[in-house]
Amino acid sequence: MTSKLALVGALALTATVAAGCSSTGDSVTCTEFTAQSMSEQQTTLQDLLREHDLVVLDIGNIQGVTDSVTSFCSKSGNSDAPVNEAVDWDSGTW
């Protein structure tokens, strides 16, 4: 029983540490973003929406942030820029 509790505690600590080390959407550069798997890119884009208090599952938000980041990162000179700069977050529309 004690070993099971220790294992559960170790797993929880590992998950907490790993979560603390992960990049948030606003700190990911275009180079890092394009190197990510599709699943990781989706998480990064959802993080961006969440960080800007936008509905993550709204199809318009998903399409808007995807198009903006993809276009921004495809331009030369933006490889070291954070993907957060791809969007005018103050705009009311995409």
N, C-alpha and C. Protein backbone atom coordinates (compact mmCIF):
# COMPACT_ATOMS: atom_id res chain seq x y z
N MET A 1 0.82 -1.19 0.00
CA MET A 1 0.00 0.00 0.00
C MET A 1 0.87 1.26 0.00
N THR A 2 1.92 1.26 0.82
CA THR A 2 2.80 2.41 0.90
C THR A 2 3.49 2.66 -0.43
N SER A 3 3.91 1.58 -1.11
CA SER A 3 4.59 1.75 -2.39
C SER A 3 3.64 2.32 -3.44
N LYS A 4 2.37 1.96 -3.39
CA LYS A 4 1.39 2.52 -4.33
C LYS A 4 1.20 4.01 -4.09
N LEU A 5 1.14 4.41 -2.83
CA LEU A 5 1.00 5.83 -2.52
C LEU A 5 2.23 6.61 -2.96
N ALA A 6 3.40 6.02 -2.78
CA ALA A 6 4.64 6.67 -3.21
C ALA A 6 4.65 6.83 -4.72
N LEU A 7 4.19 5.81 -5.45
CA LEU A 7 4.14 5.87 -6.91
C LEU A 7 3.18 6.95 -7.37
N VAL A 8 2.01 7.02 -6.75
CA VAL A 8 1.02 8.03 -7.12
C VAL A 8 1.59 9.42 -6.84
N GLY A 9 2.24 9.59 -5.71
CA GLY A 9 2.86 10.87 -5.37
C GLY A 9 3.94 11.26 -6.36
N ALA A 10 4.77 10.30 -6.75
CA ALA A 10 5.84 10.56 -7.70
C ALA A 10 5.27 10.95 -9.06
N LEU A 11 4.23 10.26 -9.50
CA LEU A 11 3.60 10.60 -10.78
C LEU A 11 2.99 12.00 -10.74
N ALA A 12 2.36 12.35 -9.65
CA ALA A 12 1.76 13.67 -9.52
C ALA A 12 2.84 14.75 -9.55
N LEU A 13 3.95 14.51 -8.86
CA LEU A 13 5.05 15.46 -8.85
C LEU A 13 5.65 15.61 -10.24
N THR A 14 5.82 14.49 -10.94
CA THR A 14 6.36 14.53 -12.30
C THR A 14 5.45 15.33 -13.23
N ALA A 15 4.16 15.10 -13.13
CA ALA A 15 3.21 15.84 -13.96
C ALA A 15 3.24 17.33 -13.65
N THR A 16 3.37 17.68 -12.39
CA THR A 16 3.42 19.08 -12.00
C THR A 16 4.68 19.75 -12.53
N VAL A 17 5.80 19.08 -12.39
CA VAL A 17 7.07 19.63 -12.88
C VAL A 17 7.04 19.76 -14.39
N ALA A 18 6.54 18.74 -15.08
CA ALA A 18 6.47 18.78 -16.55
C ALA A 18 5.55 19.91 -17.01
N ALA A 19 4.45 20.11 -16.33
CA ALA A 19 3.53 21.18 -16.71
C ALA A 19 4.18 22.53 -16.52
N GLY A 20 4.99 22.67 -15.49
CA GLY A 20 5.67 23.92 -15.24
C GLY A 20 6.73 24.23 -16.27
N CYS A 21 7.25 23.21 -16.94
CA CYS A 21 8.32 23.40 -17.93
C CYS A 21 7.78 23.63 -19.33
N SER A 22 6.52 23.36 -19.55
CA SER A 22 6.00 23.48 -20.90
C SER A 22 5.83 24.94 -21.30
N SER A 23 5.96 25.20 -22.57
CA SER A 23 5.80 26.56 -23.08
C SER A 23 4.33 26.89 -23.21
N THR A 24 4.01 28.13 -22.93
CA THR A 24 2.66 28.57 -23.18
C THR A 24 2.60 29.10 -24.61
N GLY A 25 1.41 29.30 -25.10
CA GLY A 25 1.26 29.74 -26.49
C GLY A 25 1.99 31.02 -26.82
N ASP A 26 2.04 31.95 -25.86
CA ASP A 26 2.65 33.23 -26.18
C ASP A 26 4.17 33.21 -26.17
N SER A 27 4.79 32.12 -25.69
CA SER A 27 6.25 32.06 -25.65
C SER A 27 6.85 31.18 -26.75
N VAL A 28 6.00 30.55 -27.55
CA VAL A 28 6.46 29.66 -28.62
C VAL A 28 6.83 30.50 -29.85
N THR A 29 8.02 30.26 -30.39
CA THR A 29 8.43 30.98 -31.61
C THR A 29 7.90 30.24 -32.84
N CYS A 30 7.97 30.90 -33.98
CA CYS A 30 7.53 30.27 -35.22
C CYS A 30 8.36 29.02 -35.52
N THR A 31 9.65 29.07 -35.28
CA THR A 31 10.50 27.90 -35.51
C THR A 31 10.04 26.74 -34.65
N GLU A 32 9.78 27.01 -33.37
CA GLU A 32 9.30 25.95 -32.47
C GLU A 32 7.93 25.45 -32.91
N PHE A 33 7.07 26.38 -33.31
CA PHE A 33 5.72 26.01 -33.72
C PHE A 33 5.74 25.09 -34.94
N THR A 34 6.52 25.45 -35.95
CA THR A 34 6.54 24.64 -37.17
C THR A 34 7.20 23.28 -36.95
N ALA A 35 8.02 23.16 -35.91
CA ALA A 35 8.65 21.87 -35.59
C ALA A 35 7.72 20.96 -34.78
N GLN A 36 6.64 21.52 -34.26
CA GLN A 36 5.71 20.74 -33.45
C GLN A 36 4.87 19.80 -34.30
N SER A 37 4.40 18.73 -33.67
CA SER A 37 3.44 17.83 -34.33
C SER A 37 2.11 18.58 -34.46
N MET A 38 1.21 18.04 -35.25
CA MET A 38 -0.11 18.67 -35.42
C MET A 38 -0.82 18.79 -34.07
N SER A 39 -0.71 17.78 -33.25
CA SER A 39 -1.34 17.78 -31.93
C SER A 39 -0.74 18.88 -31.04
N GLU A 40 0.57 19.02 -31.07
CA GLU A 40 1.23 20.06 -30.29
C GLU A 40 0.86 21.45 -30.79
N GLN A 41 0.77 21.61 -32.12
CA GLN A 41 0.36 22.89 -32.68
C GLN A 41 -1.05 23.25 -32.24
N GLN A 42 -1.92 22.27 -32.24
CA GLN A 42 -3.30 22.49 -31.83
C GLN A 42 -3.34 22.95 -30.37
N THR A 43 -2.53 22.33 -29.53
CA THR A 43 -2.46 22.72 -28.12
C THR A 43 -1.93 24.14 -27.98
N THR A 44 -0.90 24.49 -28.74
CA THR A 44 -0.34 25.83 -28.71
C THR A 44 -1.39 26.86 -29.11
N LEU A 45 -2.14 26.58 -30.17
CA LEU A 45 -3.17 27.51 -30.63
C LEU A 45 -4.29 27.64 -29.61
N GLN A 46 -4.66 26.53 -28.99
CA GLN A 46 -5.69 26.58 -27.94
C GLN A 46 -5.18 27.38 -26.75
N ASP A 47 -3.90 27.23 -26.41
CA ASP A 47 -3.31 28.02 -25.32
C ASP A 47 -3.39 29.51 -25.63
N LEU A 48 -3.10 29.87 -26.89
CA LEU A 48 -3.19 31.28 -27.29
C LEU A 48 -4.60 31.82 -27.09
N LEU A 49 -5.58 31.07 -27.54
CA LEU A 49 -6.97 31.50 -27.40
C LEU A 49 -7.33 31.64 -25.93
N ARG A 50 -6.95 30.66 -25.14
CA ARG A 50 -7.23 30.67 -23.70
C ARG A 50 -6.56 31.88 -23.02
N GLU A 51 -5.31 32.15 -23.36
CA GLU A 51 -4.56 33.25 -22.76
C GLU A 51 -5.17 34.61 -23.08
N HIS A 52 -5.94 34.67 -24.16
CA HIS A 52 -6.58 35.93 -24.55
C HIS A 52 -8.09 35.90 -24.30
N ASP A 53 -8.50 34.97 -23.42
CA ASP A 53 -9.90 34.86 -22.98
C ASP A 53 -10.88 34.69 -24.13
N LEU A 54 -10.47 33.90 -25.13
CA LEU A 54 -11.36 33.59 -26.26
C LEU A 54 -11.84 32.15 -26.14
N VAL A 55 -13.00 31.88 -26.70
CA VAL A 55 -13.58 30.54 -26.64
C VAL A 55 -12.74 29.59 -27.48
N VAL A 56 -12.20 28.57 -26.83
CA VAL A 56 -11.26 27.64 -27.48
C VAL A 56 -11.95 26.78 -28.53
N LEU A 57 -13.18 26.38 -28.29
CA LEU A 57 -13.87 25.47 -29.21
C LEU A 57 -14.73 26.18 -30.25
N ASP A 58 -14.63 27.49 -30.34
CA ASP A 58 -15.36 28.25 -31.35
C ASP A 58 -14.66 28.08 -32.71
N ILE A 59 -15.38 27.61 -33.71
CA ILE A 59 -14.78 27.32 -35.02
C ILE A 59 -14.17 28.57 -35.64
N GLY A 60 -14.80 29.72 -35.45
CA GLY A 60 -14.25 30.97 -35.98
C GLY A 60 -12.92 31.32 -35.33
N ASN A 61 -12.83 31.13 -34.03
CA ASN A 61 -11.57 31.39 -33.32
C ASN A 61 -10.48 30.41 -33.76
N ILE A 62 -10.84 29.16 -33.88
CA ILE A 62 -9.87 28.14 -34.30
C ILE A 62 -9.34 28.47 -35.69
N GLN A 63 -10.23 28.75 -36.62
CA GLN A 63 -9.83 29.07 -37.99
C GLN A 63 -9.02 30.35 -38.04
N GLY A 64 -9.47 31.37 -37.30
CA GLY A 64 -8.79 32.66 -37.31
C GLY A 64 -7.37 32.58 -36.78
N VAL A 65 -7.19 31.94 -35.64
CA VAL A 65 -5.85 31.86 -35.06
C VAL A 65 -4.95 30.94 -35.89
N THR A 66 -5.52 29.88 -36.45
CA THR A 66 -4.73 28.97 -37.30
C THR A 66 -4.25 29.70 -38.54
N ASP A 67 -5.15 30.39 -39.22
CA ASP A 67 -4.77 31.13 -40.44
C ASP A 67 -3.73 32.21 -40.13
N SER A 68 -3.95 32.95 -39.05
CA SER A 68 -3.05 34.04 -38.69
C SER A 68 -1.64 33.53 -38.37
N VAL A 69 -1.56 32.49 -37.56
CA VAL A 69 -0.25 31.96 -37.17
C VAL A 69 0.44 31.31 -38.36
N THR A 70 -0.29 30.57 -39.16
CA THR A 70 0.29 29.91 -40.34
C THR A 70 0.85 30.95 -41.31
N SER A 71 0.09 31.98 -41.59
CA SER A 71 0.53 33.04 -42.50
C SER A 71 1.75 33.78 -41.93
N PHE A 72 1.68 34.14 -40.67
CA PHE A 72 2.76 34.87 -40.00
C PHE A 72 4.06 34.07 -40.02
N CYS A 73 3.97 32.80 -39.67
CA CYS A 73 5.18 31.97 -39.58
C CYS A 73 5.74 31.58 -40.94
N SER A 74 4.97 31.73 -41.99
CA SER A 74 5.47 31.38 -43.32
C SER A 74 6.29 32.52 -43.94
N LYS A 75 6.23 33.70 -43.33
CA LYS A 75 6.97 34.86 -43.85
C LYS A 75 8.41 34.84 -43.34
N SER A 76 9.35 35.14 -44.24
CA SER A 76 10.75 35.18 -43.83
C SER A 76 10.94 36.29 -42.80
N GLY A 77 11.83 36.07 -41.88
CA GLY A 77 12.10 37.05 -40.85
C GLY A 77 11.29 36.86 -39.58
N ASN A 78 10.33 35.95 -39.60
CA ASN A 78 9.51 35.72 -38.42
C ASN A 78 9.87 34.44 -37.66
N SER A 79 10.93 33.77 -38.06
CA SER A 79 11.24 32.47 -37.45
C SER A 79 11.48 32.56 -35.95
N ASP A 80 12.05 33.65 -35.47
CA ASP A 80 12.32 33.79 -34.04
C ASP A 80 11.25 34.59 -33.30
N ALA A 81 10.23 35.02 -34.04
CA ALA A 81 9.16 35.80 -33.43
C ALA A 81 8.17 34.88 -32.71
N PRO A 82 7.64 35.32 -31.58
CA PRO A 82 6.63 34.51 -30.90
C PRO A 82 5.34 34.47 -31.72
N VAL A 83 4.69 33.31 -31.74
CA VAL A 83 3.45 33.17 -32.52
C VAL A 83 2.35 34.10 -31.99
N ASN A 84 2.48 34.55 -30.76
CA ASN A 84 1.52 35.47 -30.18
C ASN A 84 1.44 36.77 -30.99
N GLU A 85 2.53 37.12 -31.67
CA GLU A 85 2.57 38.35 -32.48
C GLU A 85 1.83 38.20 -33.82
N ALA A 86 1.36 37.02 -34.12
CA ALA A 86 0.68 36.76 -35.39
C ALA A 86 -0.73 37.35 -35.43
N VAL A 87 -1.26 37.67 -34.27
CA VAL A 87 -2.66 38.07 -34.18
C VAL A 87 -2.77 39.46 -33.55
N ASP A 88 -3.67 40.27 -34.09
CA ASP A 88 -4.02 41.54 -33.45
C ASP A 88 -5.10 41.21 -32.43
N TRP A 89 -4.67 40.98 -31.20
CA TRP A 89 -5.59 40.53 -30.15
C TRP A 89 -6.60 41.60 -29.74
N ASP A 90 -6.35 42.85 -30.12
CA ASP A 90 -7.28 43.93 -29.78
C ASP A 90 -8.40 44.08 -30.81
N SER A 91 -8.26 43.41 -31.95
CA SER A 91 -9.26 43.50 -33.00
C SER A 91 -10.52 42.71 -32.61
N GLY A 92 -11.65 43.20 -33.03
CA GLY A 92 -12.91 42.52 -32.74
C GLY A 92 -13.25 41.42 -33.73
N THR A 93 -12.47 41.33 -34.82
CA THR A 93 -12.71 40.31 -35.84
C THR A 93 -11.39 39.68 -36.26
N TRP A 94 -11.48 38.55 -36.93
CA TRP A 94 -10.28 37.90 -37.44
C TRP A 94 -9.95 38.53 -38.76
